[in-house]
Amino acid sequence: MESINIHEAKTRLSQLIARAQHGEAFIIAKAGKPMVRVTPIDSPEPGQQLRLGFLAGQFSVPDDFDRMGEDEIADMFGG
């Protein structure tokens, strides 16, 4: 893994970010001492992000959903 000094990293920040986005990890060092490792974040592309409601229409909820198991629950609590 490539090591880049902090001064060079500040000078070439946008280039280094582009490299990280393409999967290339590297280390930023200060006075030759490794300080941080820069790696890409594994996240979906903005168009691939799933939003609330993305399963709409793909399943149905029973009408008695809020009453399912009510007898067993009442028995457990002595009611």
N, C-alpha and C. Protein backbone atom coordinates (compact mmCIF):
# COMPACT_ATOMS: atom_id res chain seq x y z
N MET A 1 0.85 -1.17 0.00
CA MET A 1 0.00 0.00 0.00
C MET A 1 0.90 1.24 0.00
N GLU A 2 0.56 2.17 -0.85
CA GLU A 2 1.37 3.38 -1.01
C GLU A 2 1.23 4.30 0.21
N SER A 3 2.34 4.92 0.58
CA SER A 3 2.35 5.89 1.67
C SER A 3 2.62 7.29 1.09
N ILE A 4 1.81 8.26 1.48
CA ILE A 4 1.92 9.62 0.96
C ILE A 4 2.08 10.55 2.15
N ASN A 5 3.05 11.49 2.06
CA ASN A 5 3.22 12.40 3.19
C ASN A 5 2.08 13.42 3.23
N ILE A 6 1.83 13.97 4.40
CA ILE A 6 0.67 14.82 4.60
C ILE A 6 0.70 16.08 3.74
N HIS A 7 1.87 16.65 3.53
CA HIS A 7 1.97 17.85 2.68
C HIS A 7 1.54 17.53 1.25
N GLU A 8 2.02 16.42 0.72
CA GLU A 8 1.64 16.01 -0.63
C GLU A 8 0.14 15.70 -0.69
N ALA A 9 -0.39 15.08 0.36
CA ALA A 9 -1.82 14.75 0.40
C ALA A 9 -2.67 16.02 0.35
N LYS A 10 -2.25 17.07 1.07
CA LYS A 10 -2.99 18.33 1.03
C LYS A 10 -2.94 18.95 -0.36
N THR A 11 -1.80 18.84 -1.00
CA THR A 11 -1.63 19.41 -2.33
C THR A 11 -2.45 18.67 -3.38
N ARG A 12 -2.55 17.35 -3.26
CA ARG A 12 -3.22 16.52 -4.28
C ARG A 12 -4.51 15.89 -3.76
N LEU A 13 -5.20 16.54 -2.84
CA LEU A 13 -6.35 15.93 -2.19
C LEU A 13 -7.40 15.43 -3.18
N SER A 14 -7.78 16.25 -4.15
CA SER A 14 -8.84 15.82 -5.08
C SER A 14 -8.41 14.60 -5.90
N GLN A 15 -7.14 14.53 -6.29
CA GLN A 15 -6.65 13.36 -7.03
C GLN A 15 -6.68 12.12 -6.15
N LEU A 16 -6.29 12.28 -4.89
CA LEU A 16 -6.27 11.13 -3.98
C LEU A 16 -7.70 10.63 -3.69
N ILE A 17 -8.63 11.55 -3.56
CA ILE A 17 -10.02 11.14 -3.34
C ILE A 17 -10.53 10.36 -4.54
N ALA A 18 -10.19 10.82 -5.73
CA ALA A 18 -10.61 10.11 -6.95
C ALA A 18 -10.04 8.69 -6.97
N ARG A 19 -8.78 8.55 -6.57
CA ARG A 19 -8.17 7.22 -6.53
C ARG A 19 -8.89 6.32 -5.53
N ALA A 20 -9.22 6.88 -4.36
CA ALA A 20 -9.92 6.10 -3.34
C ALA A 20 -11.30 5.68 -3.84
N GLN A 21 -11.97 6.56 -4.57
CA GLN A 21 -13.29 6.22 -5.10
C GLN A 21 -13.22 5.05 -6.07
N HIS A 22 -12.09 4.87 -6.70
CA HIS A 22 -11.92 3.77 -7.65
C HIS A 22 -11.36 2.51 -6.98
N GLY A 23 -11.36 2.50 -5.63
CA GLY A 23 -10.98 1.30 -4.91
C GLY A 23 -9.54 1.22 -4.47
N GLU A 24 -8.76 2.26 -4.70
CA GLU A 24 -7.34 2.25 -4.35
C GLU A 24 -7.14 2.83 -2.95
N ALA A 25 -6.63 2.04 -2.04
CA ALA A 25 -6.38 2.49 -0.67
C ALA A 25 -4.94 3.00 -0.56
N PHE A 26 -4.70 3.91 0.38
CA PHE A 26 -3.35 4.42 0.61
C PHE A 26 -3.25 4.92 2.04
N ILE A 27 -2.01 5.20 2.46
CA ILE A 27 -1.74 5.66 3.82
C ILE A 27 -1.22 7.08 3.75
N ILE A 28 -1.68 7.92 4.67
CA ILE A 28 -1.14 9.27 4.80
C ILE A 28 -0.23 9.27 6.02
N ALA A 29 1.01 9.75 5.83
CA ALA A 29 2.02 9.73 6.88
C ALA A 29 2.48 11.14 7.21
N LYS A 30 2.94 11.32 8.44
CA LYS A 30 3.52 12.59 8.88
C LYS A 30 4.93 12.30 9.38
N ALA A 31 5.88 12.93 8.73
CA ALA A 31 7.30 12.71 9.06
C ALA A 31 7.66 11.23 8.98
N GLY A 32 7.09 10.55 7.99
CA GLY A 32 7.39 9.13 7.77
C GLY A 32 6.60 8.18 8.65
N LYS A 33 5.83 8.71 9.60
CA LYS A 33 5.06 7.86 10.51
C LYS A 33 3.63 7.74 9.99
N PRO A 34 3.15 6.53 9.72
CA PRO A 34 1.78 6.35 9.22
C PRO A 34 0.76 6.93 10.21
N MET A 35 -0.15 7.75 9.69
CA MET A 35 -1.16 8.38 10.54
C MET A 35 -2.57 7.81 10.28
N VAL A 36 -2.96 7.73 8.99
CA VAL A 36 -4.29 7.23 8.65
C VAL A 36 -4.22 6.39 7.39
N ARG A 37 -5.18 5.48 7.27
CA ARG A 37 -5.34 4.70 6.05
C ARG A 37 -6.62 5.20 5.38
N VAL A 38 -6.54 5.53 4.12
CA VAL A 38 -7.70 6.01 3.37
C VAL A 38 -8.17 4.87 2.47
N THR A 39 -9.44 4.50 2.64
CA THR A 39 -10.04 3.43 1.84
C THR A 39 -11.41 3.90 1.36
N PRO A 40 -11.89 3.35 0.26
CA PRO A 40 -13.21 3.74 -0.21
C PRO A 40 -14.31 3.22 0.70
N ILE A 41 -15.39 3.95 0.76
CA ILE A 41 -16.56 3.51 1.52
C ILE A 41 -17.42 2.66 0.60
N ASP A 42 -17.77 1.48 1.07
CA ASP A 42 -18.63 0.59 0.28
C ASP A 42 -20.08 0.99 0.50
N SER A 43 -20.59 1.81 -0.36
CA SER A 43 -21.98 2.22 -0.27
C SER A 43 -22.57 2.24 -1.67
N PRO A 44 -23.88 2.08 -1.74
CA PRO A 44 -24.49 2.08 -3.06
C PRO A 44 -24.40 3.45 -3.72
N GLU A 45 -24.42 3.45 -5.03
CA GLU A 45 -24.46 4.70 -5.79
C GLU A 45 -25.77 5.42 -5.46
N PRO A 46 -25.80 6.74 -5.59
CA PRO A 46 -27.03 7.47 -5.24
C PRO A 46 -28.29 6.93 -5.91
N GLY A 47 -28.22 6.49 -7.15
CA GLY A 47 -29.39 5.95 -7.84
C GLY A 47 -29.78 4.57 -7.36
N GLN A 48 -28.90 3.90 -6.61
CA GLN A 48 -29.17 2.55 -6.14
C GLN A 48 -29.66 2.51 -4.69
N GLN A 49 -29.68 3.65 -4.01
CA GLN A 49 -30.08 3.67 -2.61
C GLN A 49 -31.56 3.31 -2.50
N LEU A 50 -31.85 2.45 -1.54
CA LEU A 50 -33.22 2.03 -1.32
C LEU A 50 -33.89 3.02 -0.37
N ARG A 51 -35.08 3.38 -0.67
CA ARG A 51 -35.82 4.36 0.12
C ARG A 51 -37.03 3.71 0.79
N LEU A 52 -37.58 4.41 1.76
CA LEU A 52 -38.77 3.96 2.45
C LEU A 52 -39.87 3.71 1.42
N GLY A 53 -40.51 2.57 1.52
CA GLY A 53 -41.58 2.24 0.59
C GLY A 53 -41.11 1.47 -0.63
N PHE A 54 -39.85 1.07 -0.68
CA PHE A 54 -39.34 0.39 -1.87
C PHE A 54 -39.96 -0.99 -2.08
N LEU A 55 -40.63 -1.55 -1.07
CA LEU A 55 -41.29 -2.85 -1.23
C LEU A 55 -42.79 -2.71 -1.42
N ALA A 56 -43.26 -1.49 -1.65
CA ALA A 56 -44.70 -1.26 -1.80
C ALA A 56 -45.27 -2.16 -2.89
N GLY A 57 -46.36 -2.85 -2.53
CA GLY A 57 -47.05 -3.71 -3.48
C GLY A 57 -46.45 -5.11 -3.62
N GLN A 58 -45.38 -5.41 -2.91
CA GLN A 58 -44.73 -6.71 -3.06
C GLN A 58 -45.18 -7.73 -2.02
N PHE A 59 -45.92 -7.30 -1.00
CA PHE A 59 -46.48 -8.23 -0.02
C PHE A 59 -47.72 -7.60 0.59
N SER A 60 -48.50 -8.41 1.30
CA SER A 60 -49.71 -7.87 1.93
C SER A 60 -49.68 -8.19 3.42
N VAL A 61 -50.28 -7.31 4.19
CA VAL A 61 -50.36 -7.47 5.63
C VAL A 61 -51.77 -7.97 5.97
N PRO A 62 -51.89 -9.05 6.75
CA PRO A 62 -53.21 -9.57 7.09
C PRO A 62 -54.03 -8.54 7.86
N ASP A 63 -55.36 -8.58 7.70
CA ASP A 63 -56.24 -7.64 8.39
C ASP A 63 -56.14 -7.75 9.91
N ASP A 64 -55.86 -8.98 10.41
CA ASP A 64 -55.78 -9.17 11.86
C ASP A 64 -54.34 -9.08 12.38
N PHE A 65 -53.48 -8.41 11.66
CA PHE A 65 -52.07 -8.32 12.05
C PHE A 65 -51.90 -7.81 13.48
N ASP A 66 -52.66 -6.79 13.86
CA ASP A 66 -52.50 -6.21 15.19
C ASP A 66 -53.10 -7.08 16.30
N ARG A 67 -53.81 -8.14 15.93
CA ARG A 67 -54.40 -9.04 16.92
C ARG A 67 -53.74 -10.42 16.91
N MET A 68 -52.77 -10.64 16.06
CA MET A 68 -52.14 -11.95 15.96
C MET A 68 -51.46 -12.31 17.28
N GLY A 69 -51.79 -13.48 17.79
CA GLY A 69 -51.17 -13.97 19.02
C GLY A 69 -51.68 -13.32 20.29
N GLU A 70 -52.80 -12.60 20.21
CA GLU A 70 -53.27 -11.88 21.40
C GLU A 70 -53.67 -12.82 22.53
N ASP A 71 -54.19 -14.01 22.20
CA ASP A 71 -54.56 -14.97 23.25
C ASP A 71 -53.34 -15.47 23.99
N GLU A 72 -52.29 -15.81 23.25
CA GLU A 72 -51.05 -16.29 23.88
C GLU A 72 -50.41 -15.21 24.74
N ILE A 73 -50.44 -13.97 24.27
CA ILE A 73 -49.86 -12.86 25.01
C ILE A 73 -50.66 -12.63 26.30
N ALA A 74 -51.98 -12.67 26.18
CA ALA A 74 -52.83 -12.50 27.37
C ALA A 74 -52.55 -13.60 28.39
N ASP A 75 -52.37 -14.85 27.92
CA ASP A 75 -52.06 -15.95 28.84
C ASP A 75 -50.73 -15.73 29.55
N MET A 76 -49.74 -15.21 28.83
CA MET A 76 -48.42 -14.99 29.44
C MET A 76 -48.48 -13.92 30.53
N PHE A 77 -49.39 -12.98 30.40
CA PHE A 77 -49.48 -11.89 31.39
C PHE A 77 -50.65 -12.05 32.34
N GLY A 78 -51.21 -13.28 32.35
CA GLY A 78 -52.26 -13.61 33.31
C GLY A 78 -53.58 -12.92 33.05
N GLY A 79 -53.86 -12.62 31.80
CA GLY A 79 -55.06 -11.85 31.54
C GLY A 79 -56.05 -12.57 30.74
